[in-house]
Amino acid sequence: MVVDPFDASVVWAGTGRAGLYKSTDCGSTWEKTNKGTNGAQLDAGGVGSLAVDHVNKGVIYATSFQGANGLWKSVNGGVDWEQTMPPGGPVSKAVPGQVVNSIAMDFDNPYHLVASFHEACVLPFEPVCEAETIDGGITWTVTSVKGGGWTSWVPYAGAFILGQTKWLFGTYETGLWLTTDSGHSWTDVTPTGGNGSLAGKTISLPFLRNPSDQRYYLPWAGGVMRSTDSTGERWELIPDSGGRSVGFVMGDQYMYSADQWSSTYHVAALNEPATWSPLAPPADLPSDQGAPYLAYDPVHHVLYSSNFAGGLWRLKTQ
């Protein structure tokens, strides 16, 4: 789920085996968009990761998870689609099933993307690998994620891009890892007492700093953590920051977090990032269908919450 960067009234929502939907009225009504070339390929799987280009209007990247797989690209607002990872290419040789788990976009260069996989990579790569493109999916380079001792893929893991050659690889329980050379080498930057980040698959917007303190923030199994400075290379845990969190978003003057496996939400002011308070969940939300995906509309002051089987919700914050 993504609020459109050009028009905040527009919301994009991916589904499981039903394609991509668009609302032009802040979620009141919806229309299916993938009706053109290769639209059925999106219907074949889950649009579990979605990236909307914030510079080139109409460009969208989406997964067809455990369906058509690979990474699909539209240049006309989600109508027509093309596969950016065709058979016989470098990605298919490294990851035969091309089961893309998540897609990350660089805020400073939307042609720079990093894809992570829900499938073990084959030799000569390590079991965990990622694919990077700097030309919007025309060409890809595959590199191994080294250091975690993994023997297979890591669920829900994914990249958080910090710069041209620098990004994080977040995992549920096996650490937060940093590369500064486009994936050729890796350093464990997991904060003391932590075990990784739970949002590798579910942060859909480019990775941004808190404008109040210029630090990066990520959810983890014990709440929320933050970088120790503006580089994003060192991290620390925030005590009493709400417990297990997966969904995370910043909007207006606040940060919001949510748990995927319980209807638990928390909020903190951007200028008081160490003080988190409970936020009441939707009244009709089942207790075990929390929010892995959050999005925020700063124009209309709306918090969106996508809760898998629990539905899609919105909260007017002002």
C-alpha atoms as a PDB file:
ATOM      1  CA  MET A   1       0.000   0.000   0.000  1.00  0.00           C
ATOM      2  CA  VAL A   2       1.427   3.378  -1.075  1.00  0.00           C
ATOM      3  CA  VAL A   3       0.147   6.955  -1.044  1.00  0.00           C
ATOM      4  CA  ASP A   4       0.964   8.406  -4.462  1.00  0.00           C
ATOM      5  CA  PRO A   5       3.881  10.878  -4.315  1.00  0.00           C
ATOM      6  CA  PHE A   6       2.296  13.197  -6.906  1.00  0.00           C
ATOM      7  CA  ASP A   7      -1.290  13.252  -5.655  1.00  0.00           C
ATOM      8  CA  ALA A   8      -2.045  12.341  -2.038  1.00  0.00           C
ATOM      9  CA  SER A   9      -5.686  11.592  -2.925  1.00  0.00           C
ATOM     10  CA  VAL A  10      -4.382   8.582  -4.854  1.00  0.00           C
ATOM     11  CA  VAL A  11      -3.701   5.380  -2.922  1.00  0.00           C
ATOM     12  CA  TRP A  12      -2.277   2.193  -4.443  1.00  0.00           C
ATOM     13  CA  ALA A  13      -3.094  -1.191  -2.893  1.00  0.00           C
ATOM     14  CA  GLY A  14      -1.696  -4.576  -3.840  1.00  0.00           C
ATOM     15  CA  THR A  15      -3.713  -7.742  -3.319  1.00  0.00           C
ATOM     16  CA  GLY A  16      -3.247 -11.492  -3.153  1.00  0.00           C
ATOM     17  CA  ARG A  17      -3.983 -12.895  -6.633  1.00  0.00           C
ATOM     18  CA  ALA A  18      -6.263 -10.014  -7.606  1.00  0.00           C
ATOM     19  CA  GLY A  19      -3.743  -7.506  -8.925  1.00  0.00           C
ATOM     20  CA  LEU A  20      -3.256  -3.816  -8.207  1.00  0.00           C
ATOM     21  CA  TYR A  21      -5.985  -1.371  -7.221  1.00  0.00           C
ATOM     22  CA  LYS A  22      -6.072   2.431  -7.259  1.00  0.00           C
ATOM     23  CA  SER A  23      -8.200   4.897  -5.338  1.00  0.00           C
ATOM     24  CA  THR A  24      -8.416   8.558  -6.364  1.00  0.00           C
ATOM     25  CA  ASP A  25     -10.484   9.648  -3.358  1.00  0.00           C
ATOM     26  CA  CYS A  26      -8.385   8.659  -0.343  1.00  0.00           C
ATOM     27  CA  GLY A  27      -9.634   5.084  -0.313  1.00  0.00           C
ATOM     28  CA  SER A  28     -13.392   5.666  -0.582  1.00  0.00           C
ATOM     29  CA  THR A  29     -13.691   3.896  -3.951  1.00  0.00           C
ATOM     30  CA  TRP A  30     -11.333   1.589  -5.862  1.00  0.00           C
ATOM     31  CA  GLU A  31     -10.609   0.552  -9.437  1.00  0.00           C
ATOM     32  CA  LYS A  32      -8.466  -2.310 -10.699  1.00  0.00           C
ATOM     33  CA  THR A  33      -5.581  -0.941 -12.785  1.00  0.00           C
ATOM     34  CA  ASN A  34      -3.728  -3.921 -14.304  1.00  0.00           C
ATOM     35  CA  LYS A  35      -6.100  -4.409 -17.226  1.00  0.00           C
ATOM     36  CA  GLY A  36      -3.559  -4.123 -20.054  1.00  0.00           C
ATOM     37  CA  THR A  37      -0.559  -6.055 -21.340  1.00  0.00           C
ATOM     38  CA  ASN A  38       0.582  -8.746 -18.897  1.00  0.00           C
ATOM     39  CA  GLY A  39      -1.971  -7.600 -16.344  1.00  0.00           C
ATOM     40  CA  ALA A  40      -2.893 -11.211 -15.685  1.00  0.00           C
ATOM     41  CA  GLN A  41       0.673 -11.848 -14.537  1.00  0.00           C
ATOM     42  CA  LEU A  42       0.073  -9.680 -11.483  1.00  0.00           C
ATOM     43  CA  ASP A  43      -3.162 -11.541 -10.783  1.00  0.00           C
ATOM     44  CA  ALA A  44      -1.207 -14.814 -10.730  1.00  0.00           C
ATOM     45  CA  GLY A  45       0.544 -13.970  -7.460  1.00  0.00           C
ATOM     46  CA  GLY A  46       0.640 -11.534  -4.593  1.00  0.00           C
ATOM     47  CA  VAL A  47       1.507  -7.869  -4.915  1.00  0.00           C
ATOM     48  CA  GLY A  48       3.305  -8.121  -1.601  1.00  0.00           C
ATOM     49  CA  SER A  49       5.866  -5.424  -2.352  1.00  0.00           C
ATOM     50  CA  LEU A  50       5.184  -2.241  -4.279  1.00  0.00           C
ATOM     51  CA  ALA A  51       7.302   0.792  -5.227  1.00  0.00           C
ATOM     52  CA  VAL A  52       5.890   3.922  -6.866  1.00  0.00           C
ATOM     53  CA  ASP A  53       8.463   6.146  -8.566  1.00  0.00           C
ATOM     54  CA  HIS A  54       8.427   9.568  -6.882  1.00  0.00           C
ATOM     55  CA  VAL A  55      10.190  11.337  -9.786  1.00  0.00           C
ATOM     56  CA  ASN A  56       8.833   9.730 -12.957  1.00  0.00           C
ATOM     57  CA  LYS A  57       5.053   9.816 -12.794  1.00  0.00           C
ATOM     58  CA  GLY A  58       3.312   6.604 -13.798  1.00  0.00           C
ATOM     59  CA  VAL A  59       6.245   4.280 -13.114  1.00  0.00           C
ATOM     60  CA  ILE A  60       5.402   1.480 -10.682  1.00  0.00           C
ATOM     61  CA  TYR A  61       7.215  -1.719  -9.678  1.00  0.00           C
ATOM     62  CA  ALA A  62       5.327  -4.685  -8.219  1.00  0.00           C
ATOM     63  CA  THR A  63       5.835  -8.308  -7.282  1.00  0.00           C
ATOM     64  CA  SER A  64       3.714 -11.253  -8.322  1.00  0.00           C
ATOM     65  CA  PHE A  65       4.813 -13.272  -5.312  1.00  0.00           C
ATOM     66  CA  GLN A  66       4.570 -17.065  -5.750  1.00  0.00           C
ATOM     67  CA  GLY A  67       2.741 -16.529  -9.030  1.00  0.00           C
ATOM     68  CA  ALA A  68       4.439 -15.068 -12.086  1.00  0.00           C
ATOM     69  CA  ASN A  69       7.331 -14.022  -9.783  1.00  0.00           C
ATOM     70  CA  GLY A  70      10.131 -11.715 -10.872  1.00  0.00           C
ATOM     71  CA  LEU A  71       9.675  -7.948 -10.712  1.00  0.00           C
ATOM     72  CA  TRP A  72       7.104  -6.272 -12.915  1.00  0.00           C
ATOM     73  CA  LYS A  73       7.223  -2.670 -14.125  1.00  0.00           C
ATOM     74  CA  SER A  74       4.555  -0.339 -15.450  1.00  0.00           C
ATOM     75  CA  VAL A  75       5.276   3.038 -17.056  1.00  0.00           C
ATOM     76  CA  ASN A  76       1.638   4.052 -17.566  1.00  0.00           C
ATOM     77  CA  GLY A  77       0.162   4.055 -14.092  1.00  0.00           C
ATOM     78  CA  GLY A  78      -0.302   0.344 -13.568  1.00  0.00           C
ATOM     79  CA  VAL A  79      -2.172  -0.542 -16.771  1.00  0.00           C
ATOM     80  CA  ASP A  80       0.483  -2.366 -18.835  1.00  0.00           C
ATOM     81  CA  TRP A  81       3.352  -4.390 -17.368  1.00  0.00           C
ATOM     82  CA  GLU A  82       6.714  -5.836 -18.401  1.00  0.00           C
ATOM     83  CA  GLN A  83       8.987  -8.333 -16.686  1.00  0.00           C
ATOM     84  CA  THR A  84      12.315  -6.794 -15.622  1.00  0.00           C
ATOM     85  CA  MET A  85      13.811 -10.193 -14.735  1.00  0.00           C
ATOM     86  CA  PRO A  86      13.334 -12.289 -17.903  1.00  0.00           C
ATOM     87  CA  PRO A  87      14.270 -15.982 -18.173  1.00  0.00           C
ATOM     88  CA  GLY A  88      17.931 -16.517 -18.963  1.00  0.00           C
ATOM     89  CA  GLY A  89      18.998 -13.272 -17.335  1.00  0.00           C
ATOM     90  CA  PRO A  90      21.432 -12.894 -14.430  1.00  0.00           C
ATOM     91  CA  VAL A  91      18.703 -13.023 -11.799  1.00  0.00           C
ATOM     92  CA  SER A  92      17.149 -16.251 -13.098  1.00  0.00           C
ATOM     93  CA  LYS A  93      20.588 -17.881 -13.153  1.00  0.00           C
ATOM     94  CA  ALA A  94      21.169 -16.965  -9.508  1.00  0.00           C
ATOM     95  CA  VAL A  95      17.599 -17.419  -8.267  1.00  0.00           C
ATOM     96  CA  PRO A  96      15.893 -19.907 -10.597  1.00  0.00           C
ATOM     97  CA  GLY A  97      12.360 -19.286  -9.348  1.00  0.00           C
ATOM     98  CA  GLN A  98      12.843 -15.499  -9.150  1.00  0.00           C
ATOM     99  CA  VAL A  99      10.612 -15.319  -6.068  1.00  0.00           C
ATOM    100  CA  VAL A 100      11.072 -11.643  -5.208  1.00  0.00           C
ATOM    101  CA  ASN A 101      10.313 -10.914  -1.568  1.00  0.00           C
ATOM    102  CA  SER A 102      10.725  -7.140  -1.538  1.00  0.00           C
ATOM    103  CA  ILE A 103      11.783  -4.174  -3.621  1.00  0.00           C
ATOM    104  CA  ALA A 104      13.533  -1.062  -2.282  1.00  0.00           C
ATOM    105  CA  MET A 105      13.913   2.264  -4.106  1.00  0.00           C
ATOM    106  CA  ASP A 106      16.612   4.887  -3.594  1.00  0.00           C
ATOM    107  CA  PHE A 107      15.120   8.276  -2.682  1.00  0.00           C
ATOM    108  CA  ASP A 108      17.927  10.146  -4.478  1.00  0.00           C
ATOM    109  CA  ASN A 109      17.777   7.977  -7.608  1.00  0.00           C
ATOM    110  CA  PRO A 110      14.539   6.100  -8.388  1.00  0.00           C
ATOM    111  CA  TYR A 111      16.331   4.083 -11.079  1.00  0.00           C
ATOM    112  CA  HIS A 112      18.349   2.492  -8.274  1.00  0.00           C
ATOM    113  CA  LEU A 113      16.486  -0.510  -6.860  1.00  0.00           C
ATOM    114  CA  VAL A 114      17.462  -3.477  -4.695  1.00  0.00           C
ATOM    115  CA  ALA A 115      15.423  -6.698  -4.803  1.00  0.00           C
ATOM    116  CA  SER A 116      15.536  -9.375  -2.097  1.00  0.00           C
ATOM    117  CA  PHE A 117      14.351 -12.958  -2.505  1.00  0.00           C
ATOM    118  CA  HIS A 118      12.135 -15.522  -0.790  1.00  0.00           C
ATOM    119  CA  GLU A 119      14.177 -18.346  -2.286  1.00  0.00           C
ATOM    120  CA  ALA A 120      17.683 -19.692  -1.804  1.00  0.00           C
ATOM    121  CA  CYS A 121      20.248 -18.538  -4.326  1.00  0.00           C
ATOM    122  CA  VAL A 122      22.429 -21.091  -6.118  1.00  0.00           C
ATOM    123  CA  LEU A 123      26.198 -21.359  -6.470  1.00  0.00           C
ATOM    124  CA  PRO A 124      28.453 -19.488  -6.943  1.00  0.00           C
ATOM    125  CA  PHE A 125      26.330 -17.182  -4.767  1.00  0.00           C
ATOM    126  CA  GLU A 126      25.663 -17.566  -1.060  1.00  0.00           C
ATOM    127  CA  PRO A 127      22.182 -18.892  -0.070  1.00  0.00           C
ATOM    128  CA  VAL A 128      21.080 -15.291   0.530  1.00  0.00           C
ATOM    129  CA  CYS A 129      21.617 -12.867  -2.322  1.00  0.00           C
ATOM    130  CA  GLU A 130      20.146  -9.632  -3.639  1.00  0.00           C
ATOM    131  CA  ALA A 131      19.842  -8.033  -7.068  1.00  0.00           C
ATOM    132  CA  GLU A 132      20.639  -4.381  -7.750  1.00  0.00           C
ATOM    133  CA  THR A 133      19.734  -2.233 -10.752  1.00  0.00           C
ATOM    134  CA  ILE A 134      20.810   1.343 -11.438  1.00  0.00           C
ATOM    135  CA  ASP A 135      18.798   1.725 -14.639  1.00  0.00           C
ATOM    136  CA  GLY A 136      15.256   0.981 -13.557  1.00  0.00           C
ATOM    137  CA  GLY A 137      15.377  -2.766 -14.129  1.00  0.00           C
ATOM    138  CA  ILE A 138      16.976  -2.868 -17.581  1.00  0.00           C
ATOM    139  CA  THR A 139      20.053  -4.615 -16.172  1.00  0.00           C
ATOM    140  CA  TRP A 140      20.669  -6.338 -12.833  1.00  0.00           C
ATOM    141  CA  THR A 141      23.738  -7.264 -10.798  1.00  0.00           C
ATOM    142  CA  VAL A 142      23.464 -10.103  -8.264  1.00  0.00           C
ATOM    143  CA  THR A 143      25.576 -10.088  -5.100  1.00  0.00           C
ATOM    144  CA  SER A 144      25.658 -12.348  -2.049  1.00  0.00           C
ATOM    145  CA  VAL A 145      24.679 -11.217   1.440  1.00  0.00           C
ATOM    146  CA  LYS A 146      27.531 -12.580   3.557  1.00  0.00           C
ATOM    147  CA  GLY A 147      28.103 -12.966   7.255  1.00  0.00           C
ATOM    148  CA  GLY A 148      24.868 -14.292   8.700  1.00  0.00           C
ATOM    149  CA  GLY A 149      25.657 -17.986   8.334  1.00  0.00           C
ATOM    150  CA  TRP A 150      22.409 -18.534   6.437  1.00  0.00           C
ATOM    151  CA  THR A 151      21.706 -21.854   4.763  1.00  0.00           C
ATOM    152  CA  SER A 152      18.615 -20.677   2.878  1.00  0.00           C
ATOM    153  CA  TRP A 153      16.539 -17.568   2.198  1.00  0.00           C
ATOM    154  CA  VAL A 154      15.515 -15.265   5.038  1.00  0.00           C
ATOM    155  CA  PRO A 155      11.747 -14.601   5.312  1.00  0.00           C
ATOM    156  CA  TYR A 156      10.508 -11.001   5.156  1.00  0.00           C
ATOM    157  CA  ALA A 157      14.053  -9.716   4.763  1.00  0.00           C
ATOM    158  CA  GLY A 158      14.826  -6.783   2.536  1.00  0.00           C
ATOM    159  CA  ALA A 159      16.891  -3.732   1.759  1.00  0.00           C
ATOM    160  CA  PHE A 160      16.767  -0.189   3.115  1.00  0.00           C
ATOM    161  CA  ILE A 161      18.743   2.003   0.715  1.00  0.00           C
ATOM    162  CA  LEU A 162      20.930   4.673   2.324  1.00  0.00           C
ATOM    163  CA  GLY A 163      22.822   5.876  -0.755  1.00  0.00           C
ATOM    164  CA  GLN A 164      24.317   5.073  -4.129  1.00  0.00           C
ATOM    165  CA  THR A 165      26.403   2.140  -2.888  1.00  0.00           C
ATOM    166  CA  LYS A 166      25.090   1.756   0.653  1.00  0.00           C
ATOM    167  CA  TRP A 167      22.116  -0.108   2.038  1.00  0.00           C
ATOM    168  CA  LEU A 168      20.946  -2.211   4.957  1.00  0.00           C
ATOM    169  CA  PHE A 169      19.707  -5.797   4.844  1.00  0.00           C
ATOM    170  CA  GLY A 170      17.136  -6.313   7.597  1.00  0.00           C
ATOM    171  CA  THR A 171      16.143  -9.729   8.906  1.00  0.00           C
ATOM    172  CA  TYR A 172      13.649 -10.955  11.509  1.00  0.00           C
ATOM    173  CA  GLU A 173      16.031 -12.688  13.882  1.00  0.00           C
ATOM    174  CA  THR A 174      19.500 -12.865  12.330  1.00  0.00           C
ATOM    175  CA  GLY A 175      20.637  -9.292  12.407  1.00  0.00           C
ATOM    176  CA  LEU A 176      20.777  -5.978  10.625  1.00  0.00           C
ATOM    177  CA  TRP A 177      23.556  -5.881   8.050  1.00  0.00           C
ATOM    178  CA  LEU A 178      25.261  -3.001   6.229  1.00  0.00           C
ATOM    179  CA  THR A 179      27.008  -2.814   2.875  1.00  0.00           C
ATOM    180  CA  THR A 180      28.837   0.294   1.725  1.00  0.00           C
ATOM    181  CA  ASP A 181      30.121  -1.173  -1.549  1.00  0.00           C
ATOM    182  CA  SER A 182      26.981  -2.326  -3.367  1.00  0.00           C
ATOM    183  CA  GLY A 183      26.792  -5.713  -1.686  1.00  0.00           C
ATOM    184  CA  HIS A 184      30.376  -6.914  -2.072  1.00  0.00           C
ATOM    185  CA  SER A 185      31.073  -6.876   1.666  1.00  0.00           C
ATOM    186  CA  TRP A 186      28.863  -6.765   4.763  1.00  0.00           C
ATOM    187  CA  THR A 187      29.072  -5.646   8.398  1.00  0.00           C
ATOM    188  CA  ASP A 188      26.784  -6.668  11.251  1.00  0.00           C
ATOM    189  CA  VAL A 189      25.300  -3.439  12.678  1.00  0.00           C
ATOM    190  CA  THR A 190      22.624  -5.068  14.862  1.00  0.00           C
ATOM    191  CA  PRO A 191      22.235  -2.913  17.993  1.00  0.00           C
ATOM    192  CA  THR A 192      23.145  -4.471  21.330  1.00  0.00           C
ATOM    193  CA  GLY A 193      20.169  -6.462  22.587  1.00  0.00           C
ATOM    194  CA  GLY A 194      18.433  -6.484  19.207  1.00  0.00           C
ATOM    195  CA  ASN A 195      17.890  -9.224  16.655  1.00  0.00           C
ATOM    196  CA  GLY A 196      17.160  -7.496  13.338  1.00  0.00           C
ATOM    197  CA  SER A 197      14.416  -5.475  11.673  1.00  0.00           C
ATOM    198  CA  LEU A 198      10.898  -6.678  10.915  1.00  0.00           C
ATOM    199  CA  ALA A 199      10.156  -4.328   8.009  1.00  0.00           C
ATOM    200  CA  GLY A 200      12.389  -5.593   5.208  1.00  0.00           C
ATOM    201  CA  LYS A 201       9.355  -6.421   3.119  1.00  0.00           C
ATOM    202  CA  THR A 202       6.838  -3.889   4.295  1.00  0.00           C
ATOM    203  CA  ILE A 203       8.341  -0.394   4.090  1.00  0.00           C
ATOM    204  CA  SER A 204       7.113   0.594   0.642  1.00  0.00           C
ATOM    205  CA  LEU A 205       8.433   4.155   0.405  1.00  0.00           C
ATOM    206  CA  PRO A 206      12.095   5.137  -0.018  1.00  0.00           C
ATOM    207  CA  PHE A 207      13.928   5.020   3.300  1.00  0.00           C
ATOM    208  CA  LEU A 208      13.976   8.481   4.896  1.00  0.00           C
ATOM    209  CA  ARG A 209      15.314  10.133   8.047  1.00  0.00           C
ATOM    210  CA  ASN A 210      13.262  11.663  10.825  1.00  0.00           C
ATOM    211  CA  PRO A 211      13.401  15.377   9.882  1.00  0.00           C
ATOM    212  CA  SER A 212      13.609  16.380  13.558  1.00  0.00           C
ATOM    213  CA  ASP A 213      16.860  14.605  14.414  1.00  0.00           C
ATOM    214  CA  GLN A 214      18.104  13.371  10.998  1.00  0.00           C
ATOM    215  CA  ARG A 215      18.229   9.766  12.214  1.00  0.00           C
ATOM    216  CA  TYR A 216      16.774   6.684  10.561  1.00  0.00           C
ATOM    217  CA  TYR A 217      14.160   4.557  12.355  1.00  0.00           C
ATOM    218  CA  LEU A 218      13.176   0.894  11.947  1.00  0.00           C
ATOM    219  CA  PRO A 219      10.772  -1.457  13.736  1.00  0.00           C
ATOM    220  CA  TRP A 220      12.058  -4.600  15.400  1.00  0.00           C
ATOM    221  CA  ALA A 221      10.763  -7.435  17.589  1.00  0.00           C
ATOM    222  CA  GLY A 222      11.018  -5.320  20.740  1.00  0.00           C
ATOM    223  CA  GLY A 223       9.693  -2.009  19.437  1.00  0.00           C
ATOM    224  CA  VAL A 224      11.578   0.621  17.437  1.00  0.00           C
ATOM    225  CA  MET A 225      15.284   1.251  16.907  1.00  0.00           C
ATOM    226  CA  ARG A 226      17.159   4.210  15.447  1.00  0.00           C
ATOM    227  CA  SER A 227      20.496   5.028  13.897  1.00  0.00           C
ATOM    228  CA  THR A 228      22.950   6.813  16.171  1.00  0.00           C
ATOM    229  CA  ASP A 229      23.554   9.509  13.542  1.00  0.00           C
ATOM    230  CA  SER A 230      22.484  10.579  10.052  1.00  0.00           C
ATOM    231  CA  THR A 231      24.613   7.986   8.213  1.00  0.00           C
ATOM    232  CA  GLY A 232      22.480   4.987   9.185  1.00  0.00           C
ATOM    233  CA  GLU A 233      25.602   2.924   9.834  1.00  0.00           C
ATOM    234  CA  ARG A 234      25.231   2.425  13.616  1.00  0.00           C
ATOM    235  CA  TRP A 235      22.057   1.567  15.529  1.00  0.00           C
ATOM    236  CA  GLU A 236      20.557   1.566  19.013  1.00  0.00           C
ATOM    237  CA  LEU A 237      17.324   0.321  20.573  1.00  0.00           C
ATOM    238  CA  ILE A 238      14.708   2.689  21.974  1.00  0.00           C
ATOM    239  CA  PRO A 239      13.506   1.348  25.352  1.00  0.00           C
ATOM    240  CA  ASP A 240       9.763   1.065  25.959  1.00  0.00           C
ATOM    241  CA  SER A 241       8.959   1.801  22.310  1.00  0.00           C
ATOM    242  CA  GLY A 242       5.827  -0.302  21.961  1.00  0.00           C
ATOM    243  CA  GLY A 243       6.852  -3.933  21.689  1.00  0.00           C
ATOM    244  CA  ARG A 244       6.973  -6.051  18.533  1.00  0.00           C
ATOM    245  CA  SER A 245       6.489  -3.878  15.432  1.00  0.00           C
ATOM    246  CA  VAL A 246       6.390  -4.555  11.694  1.00  0.00           C
ATOM    247  CA  GLY A 247       4.483  -1.709  10.064  1.00  0.00           C
ATOM    248  CA  PHE A 248       6.158   1.695  10.293  1.00  0.00           C
ATOM    249  CA  VAL A 249       5.610   5.138   8.783  1.00  0.00           C
ATOM    250  CA  MET A 250       6.300   8.815   9.463  1.00  0.00           C
ATOM    251  CA  GLY A 251       3.724  11.511   8.765  1.00  0.00           C
ATOM    252  CA  ASP A 252       3.088  15.135   9.719  1.00  0.00           C
ATOM    253  CA  GLN A 253       4.797  15.424  13.120  1.00  0.00           C
ATOM    254  CA  TYR A 254       4.540  11.773  14.183  1.00  0.00           C
ATOM    255  CA  MET A 255       5.890   8.251  13.725  1.00  0.00           C
ATOM    256  CA  TYR A 256       3.539   5.267  13.789  1.00  0.00           C
ATOM    257  CA  SER A 257       4.272   1.571  14.343  1.00  0.00           C
ATOM    258  CA  ALA A 258       2.102  -1.539  14.244  1.00  0.00           C
ATOM    259  CA  ASP A 259       2.410  -5.250  14.922  1.00  0.00           C
ATOM    260  CA  GLN A 260       1.556  -7.754  12.200  1.00  0.00           C
ATOM    261  CA  TRP A 261       0.315 -10.505  14.530  1.00  0.00           C
ATOM    262  CA  SER A 262      -1.773  -8.453  16.970  1.00  0.00           C
ATOM    263  CA  SER A 263      -3.941  -5.348  16.701  1.00  0.00           C
ATOM    264  CA  THR A 264      -1.306  -3.223  18.435  1.00  0.00           C
ATOM    265  CA  TYR A 265      -0.416   0.305  17.317  1.00  0.00           C
ATOM    266  CA  HIS A 266       1.898   2.937  18.813  1.00  0.00           C
ATOM    267  CA  VAL A 267       2.721   6.565  18.088  1.00  0.00           C
ATOM    268  CA  ALA A 268       5.543   8.976  18.949  1.00  0.00           C
ATOM    269  CA  ALA A 269       6.163  12.621  18.091  1.00  0.00           C
ATOM    270  CA  LEU A 270       9.044  13.213  15.691  1.00  0.00           C
ATOM    271  CA  ASN A 271      10.629  15.585  18.189  1.00  0.00           C
ATOM    272  CA  GLU A 272      10.161  13.106  21.080  1.00  0.00           C
ATOM    273  CA  PRO A 273      11.181   9.829  19.420  1.00  0.00           C
ATOM    274  CA  ALA A 274      11.935   8.032  22.686  1.00  0.00           C
ATOM    275  CA  THR A 275       8.379   8.422  24.033  1.00  0.00           C
ATOM    276  CA  TRP A 276       5.861   5.997  22.533  1.00  0.00           C
ATOM    277  CA  SER A 277       2.170   5.701  23.419  1.00  0.00           C
ATOM    278  CA  PRO A 278      -0.532   3.161  22.467  1.00  0.00           C
ATOM    279  CA  LEU A 279      -2.852   4.099  19.617  1.00  0.00           C
ATOM    280  CA  ALA A 280      -6.321   2.556  19.627  1.00  0.00           C
ATOM    281  CA  PRO A 281      -6.819   0.018  16.785  1.00  0.00           C
ATOM    282  CA  PRO A 282      -9.845  -0.040  14.457  1.00  0.00           C
ATOM    283  CA  ALA A 283     -12.867  -1.051  16.515  1.00  0.00           C
ATOM    284  CA  ASP A 284     -13.802  -4.048  14.349  1.00  0.00           C
ATOM    285  CA  LEU A 285     -10.295  -5.368  13.725  1.00  0.00           C
ATOM    286  CA  PRO A 286      -9.721  -8.995  14.811  1.00  0.00           C
ATOM    287  CA  SER A 287      -7.117  -9.173  17.559  1.00  0.00           C
ATOM    288  CA  ASP A 288      -4.709 -11.313  15.500  1.00  0.00           C
ATOM    289  CA  GLN A 289      -4.843  -9.407  12.186  1.00  0.00           C
ATOM    290  CA  GLY A 290      -2.468  -6.517  12.715  1.00  0.00           C
ATOM    291  CA  ALA A 291      -0.757  -4.197  10.255  1.00  0.00           C
ATOM    292  CA  PRO A 292       2.436  -5.118   8.413  1.00  0.00           C
ATOM    293  CA  TYR A 293       1.876  -2.127   6.109  1.00  0.00           C
ATOM    294  CA  LEU A 294       1.301   1.496   7.109  1.00  0.00           C
ATOM    295  CA  ALA A 295       1.131   4.572   4.857  1.00  0.00           C
ATOM    296  CA  TYR A 296       0.508   8.247   5.523  1.00  0.00           C
ATOM    297  CA  ASP A 297      -1.145  11.048   3.564  1.00  0.00           C
ATOM    298  CA  PRO A 298       0.278  14.358   4.855  1.00  0.00           C
ATOM    299  CA  VAL A 299      -2.075  16.487   2.744  1.00  0.00           C
ATOM    300  CA  HIS A 300      -5.338  15.090   4.099  1.00  0.00           C
ATOM    301  CA  HIS A 301      -3.767  13.905   7.389  1.00  0.00           C
ATOM    302  CA  VAL A 302      -4.758  10.264   6.989  1.00  0.00           C
ATOM    303  CA  LEU A 303      -3.029   7.186   8.408  1.00  0.00           C
ATOM    304  CA  TYR A 304      -3.662   4.036   6.341  1.00  0.00           C
ATOM    305  CA  SER A 305      -3.329   0.533   7.736  1.00  0.00           C
ATOM    306  CA  SER A 306      -3.277  -2.626   5.614  1.00  0.00           C
ATOM    307  CA  ASN A 307      -4.053  -5.657   7.776  1.00  0.00           C
ATOM    308  CA  PHE A 308      -3.960  -8.669   5.448  1.00  0.00           C
ATOM    309  CA  ALA A 309      -7.237 -10.540   6.145  1.00  0.00           C
ATOM    310  CA  GLY A 310      -8.224  -7.774   8.551  1.00  0.00           C
ATOM    311  CA  GLY A 311      -8.903  -5.309   5.742  1.00  0.00           C
ATOM    312  CA  LEU A 312      -7.680  -1.847   4.773  1.00  0.00           C
ATOM    313  CA  TRP A 313      -8.322   0.976   7.251  1.00  0.00           C
ATOM    314  CA  ARG A 314      -7.833   4.729   7.500  1.00  0.00           C
ATOM    315  CA  LEU A 315      -7.630   7.117  10.433  1.00  0.00           C
ATOM    316  CA  LYS A 316      -8.058  10.897  10.192  1.00  0.00           C
ATOM    317  CA  THR A 317      -5.302  12.215  12.473  1.00  0.00           C
ATOM    318  CA  GLN A 318      -6.255  15.904  12.426  1.00  0.00           C
END
